[in-house]
Amino acid sequence: MSRAFNSIKQGLTEAIAYTQAKDKPSSVELGVKIYKPQAVDVSSVRQRLSMTQQEFAARFGFSVATLRHWERGDRSPNGASLVLLNVISRNPQAVMQALD
């Protein structure tokens, strides 16, 4: 087997063992702060920026369909999208500058 394969296999084996461990350290014990992004009213952020759905989606890298789902409440943004929307909500100019 290749060295890369063995390395990947070892990492996966360790990950499986960790998830199955009964006495996993908590985030507090690890000294890790867990960030839980706030929900964002995507429609109000977009309207505050005076952008159409097409403009907002194109400017920040979302699909128009996804944006529509968020605005209708069919789906909720999560993960990296929710983090990005929080930043856009607080400092849209910083995001626009970073994307230029």
C-alpha atoms as a PDB file:
ATOM      1  CA  MET A   1       0.000   0.000   0.000  1.00  0.00           C
ATOM      2  CA  SER A   2       1.121   3.534  -0.613  1.00  0.00           C
ATOM      3  CA  ARG A   3       2.300   5.852   2.109  1.00  0.00           C
ATOM      4  CA  ALA A   4      -0.583   8.263   1.397  1.00  0.00           C
ATOM      5  CA  PHE A   5      -3.117   5.434   1.701  1.00  0.00           C
ATOM      6  CA  ASN A   6      -1.678   4.313   5.033  1.00  0.00           C
ATOM      7  CA  SER A   7      -1.771   7.879   6.340  1.00  0.00           C
ATOM      8  CA  ILE A   8      -5.402   8.321   5.297  1.00  0.00           C
ATOM      9  CA  LYS A   9      -6.334   4.940   6.740  1.00  0.00           C
ATOM     10  CA  GLN A  10      -4.709   5.806  10.070  1.00  0.00           C
ATOM     11  CA  GLY A  11      -6.541   9.140  10.205  1.00  0.00           C
ATOM     12  CA  LEU A  12      -9.880   7.497   9.502  1.00  0.00           C
ATOM     13  CA  THR A  13      -9.223   4.793  12.081  1.00  0.00           C
ATOM     14  CA  GLU A  14      -8.433   7.445  14.693  1.00  0.00           C
ATOM     15  CA  ALA A  15     -11.552   9.430  13.761  1.00  0.00           C
ATOM     16  CA  ILE A  16     -13.757   6.359  14.126  1.00  0.00           C
ATOM     17  CA  ALA A  17     -12.197   5.525  17.495  1.00  0.00           C
ATOM     18  CA  TYR A  18     -12.754   9.086  18.685  1.00  0.00           C
ATOM     19  CA  THR A  19     -16.419   9.115  17.699  1.00  0.00           C
ATOM     20  CA  GLN A  20     -16.982   5.832  19.487  1.00  0.00           C
ATOM     21  CA  ALA A  21     -15.167   6.835  22.692  1.00  0.00           C
ATOM     22  CA  LYS A  22     -17.419   7.175  25.723  1.00  0.00           C
ATOM     23  CA  ASP A  23     -15.235   9.670  27.600  1.00  0.00           C
ATOM     24  CA  LYS A  24     -14.585  12.280  24.906  1.00  0.00           C
ATOM     25  CA  PRO A  25     -13.326  15.591  26.265  1.00  0.00           C
ATOM     26  CA  SER A  26     -15.845  18.420  26.109  1.00  0.00           C
ATOM     27  CA  SER A  27     -15.175  21.630  24.215  1.00  0.00           C
ATOM     28  CA  VAL A  28     -14.554  23.338  27.571  1.00  0.00           C
ATOM     29  CA  GLU A  29     -11.922  20.752  28.509  1.00  0.00           C
ATOM     30  CA  LEU A  30     -10.259  21.237  25.142  1.00  0.00           C
ATOM     31  CA  GLY A  31     -10.302  25.017  25.554  1.00  0.00           C
ATOM     32  CA  VAL A  32     -12.369  25.434  22.416  1.00  0.00           C
ATOM     33  CA  LYS A  33     -15.099  28.021  22.040  1.00  0.00           C
ATOM     34  CA  ILE A  34     -17.927  26.803  19.869  1.00  0.00           C
ATOM     35  CA  TYR A  35     -19.329  29.520  17.617  1.00  0.00           C
ATOM     36  CA  LYS A  36     -23.008  29.261  16.806  1.00  0.00           C
ATOM     37  CA  PRO A  37     -23.893  31.859  14.174  1.00  0.00           C
ATOM     38  CA  GLN A  38     -27.148  33.733  14.632  1.00  0.00           C
ATOM     39  CA  ALA A  39     -30.017  33.238  12.234  1.00  0.00           C
ATOM     40  CA  VAL A  40     -30.099  35.901   9.531  1.00  0.00           C
ATOM     41  CA  ASP A  41     -33.167  37.424   7.879  1.00  0.00           C
ATOM     42  CA  VAL A  42     -31.724  37.172   4.389  1.00  0.00           C
ATOM     43  CA  SER A  43     -34.510  39.165   2.767  1.00  0.00           C
ATOM     44  CA  SER A  44     -34.045  42.142   5.092  1.00  0.00           C
ATOM     45  CA  VAL A  45     -30.260  42.109   4.589  1.00  0.00           C
ATOM     46  CA  ARG A  46     -30.717  42.045   0.821  1.00  0.00           C
ATOM     47  CA  GLN A  47     -33.301  44.830   0.918  1.00  0.00           C
ATOM     48  CA  ARG A  48     -31.102  46.928   3.203  1.00  0.00           C
ATOM     49  CA  LEU A  49     -28.398  46.676   0.542  1.00  0.00           C
ATOM     50  CA  SER A  50     -30.931  47.688  -2.146  1.00  0.00           C
ATOM     51  CA  MET A  51     -30.172  44.611  -4.224  1.00  0.00           C
ATOM     52  CA  THR A  52     -32.401  42.338  -6.253  1.00  0.00           C
ATOM     53  CA  GLN A  53     -32.252  38.610  -5.587  1.00  0.00           C
ATOM     54  CA  GLN A  54     -30.203  38.184  -8.750  1.00  0.00           C
ATOM     55  CA  GLU A  55     -27.728  40.920  -7.744  1.00  0.00           C
ATOM     56  CA  PHE A  56     -27.342  39.630  -4.178  1.00  0.00           C
ATOM     57  CA  ALA A  57     -26.878  36.027  -5.314  1.00  0.00           C
ATOM     58  CA  ALA A  58     -24.338  36.961  -7.985  1.00  0.00           C
ATOM     59  CA  ARG A  59     -22.409  39.359  -5.732  1.00  0.00           C
ATOM     60  CA  PHE A  60     -21.999  36.937  -2.831  1.00  0.00           C
ATOM     61  CA  GLY A  61     -21.844  33.596  -4.656  1.00  0.00           C
ATOM     62  CA  PHE A  62     -25.219  32.056  -3.848  1.00  0.00           C
ATOM     63  CA  SER A  63     -27.558  30.552  -6.388  1.00  0.00           C
ATOM     64  CA  VAL A  64     -30.753  32.516  -6.960  1.00  0.00           C
ATOM     65  CA  ALA A  65     -32.782  29.374  -6.233  1.00  0.00           C
ATOM     66  CA  THR A  66     -31.089  28.910  -2.870  1.00  0.00           C
ATOM     67  CA  LEU A  67     -31.616  32.563  -2.002  1.00  0.00           C
ATOM     68  CA  ARG A  68     -35.323  32.258  -2.853  1.00  0.00           C
ATOM     69  CA  HIS A  69     -35.659  29.189  -0.624  1.00  0.00           C
ATOM     70  CA  TRP A  70     -34.054  31.075   2.273  1.00  0.00           C
ATOM     71  CA  GLU A  71     -36.272  34.097   1.788  1.00  0.00           C
ATOM     72  CA  ARG A  72     -39.458  32.004   1.573  1.00  0.00           C
ATOM     73  CA  GLY A  73     -38.438  30.032   4.643  1.00  0.00           C
ATOM     74  CA  ASP A  74     -38.415  26.688   2.811  1.00  0.00           C
ATOM     75  CA  ARG A  75     -34.814  26.238   3.924  1.00  0.00           C
ATOM     76  CA  SER A  76     -32.465  27.880   6.366  1.00  0.00           C
ATOM     77  CA  PRO A  77     -28.868  28.759   5.641  1.00  0.00           C
ATOM     78  CA  ASN A  78     -26.336  26.774   7.647  1.00  0.00           C
ATOM     79  CA  GLY A  79     -22.631  26.124   7.888  1.00  0.00           C
ATOM     80  CA  ALA A  80     -20.347  28.399   5.927  1.00  0.00           C
ATOM     81  CA  SER A  81     -23.300  30.100   4.202  1.00  0.00           C
ATOM     82  CA  LEU A  82     -24.739  31.165   7.544  1.00  0.00           C
ATOM     83  CA  VAL A  83     -21.362  32.487   8.694  1.00  0.00           C
ATOM     84  CA  LEU A  84     -20.977  34.442   5.442  1.00  0.00           C
ATOM     85  CA  LEU A  85     -24.497  35.862   5.771  1.00  0.00           C
ATOM     86  CA  ASN A  86     -23.686  37.006   9.324  1.00  0.00           C
ATOM     87  CA  VAL A  87     -20.615  38.842   8.037  1.00  0.00           C
ATOM     88  CA  ILE A  88     -22.589  40.338   5.141  1.00  0.00           C
ATOM     89  CA  SER A  89     -25.235  41.486   7.610  1.00  0.00           C
ATOM     90  CA  ARG A  90     -22.682  43.195   9.864  1.00  0.00           C
ATOM     91  CA  ASN A  91     -20.151  44.498   7.333  1.00  0.00           C
ATOM     92  CA  PRO A  92     -21.182  44.028   3.707  1.00  0.00           C
ATOM     93  CA  GLN A  93     -18.470  46.369   2.437  1.00  0.00           C
ATOM     94  CA  ALA A  94     -15.752  44.149   3.903  1.00  0.00           C
ATOM     95  CA  VAL A  95     -17.124  41.134   2.073  1.00  0.00           C
ATOM     96  CA  MET A  96     -17.474  43.069  -1.190  1.00  0.00           C
ATOM     97  CA  GLN A  97     -13.918  44.360  -0.845  1.00  0.00           C
ATOM     98  CA  ALA A  98     -12.603  40.860  -0.147  1.00  0.00           C
ATOM     99  CA  LEU A  99     -14.407  39.490  -3.211  1.00  0.00           C
ATOM    100  CA  ASP A 100     -13.112  42.189  -5.582  1.00  0.00           C
END
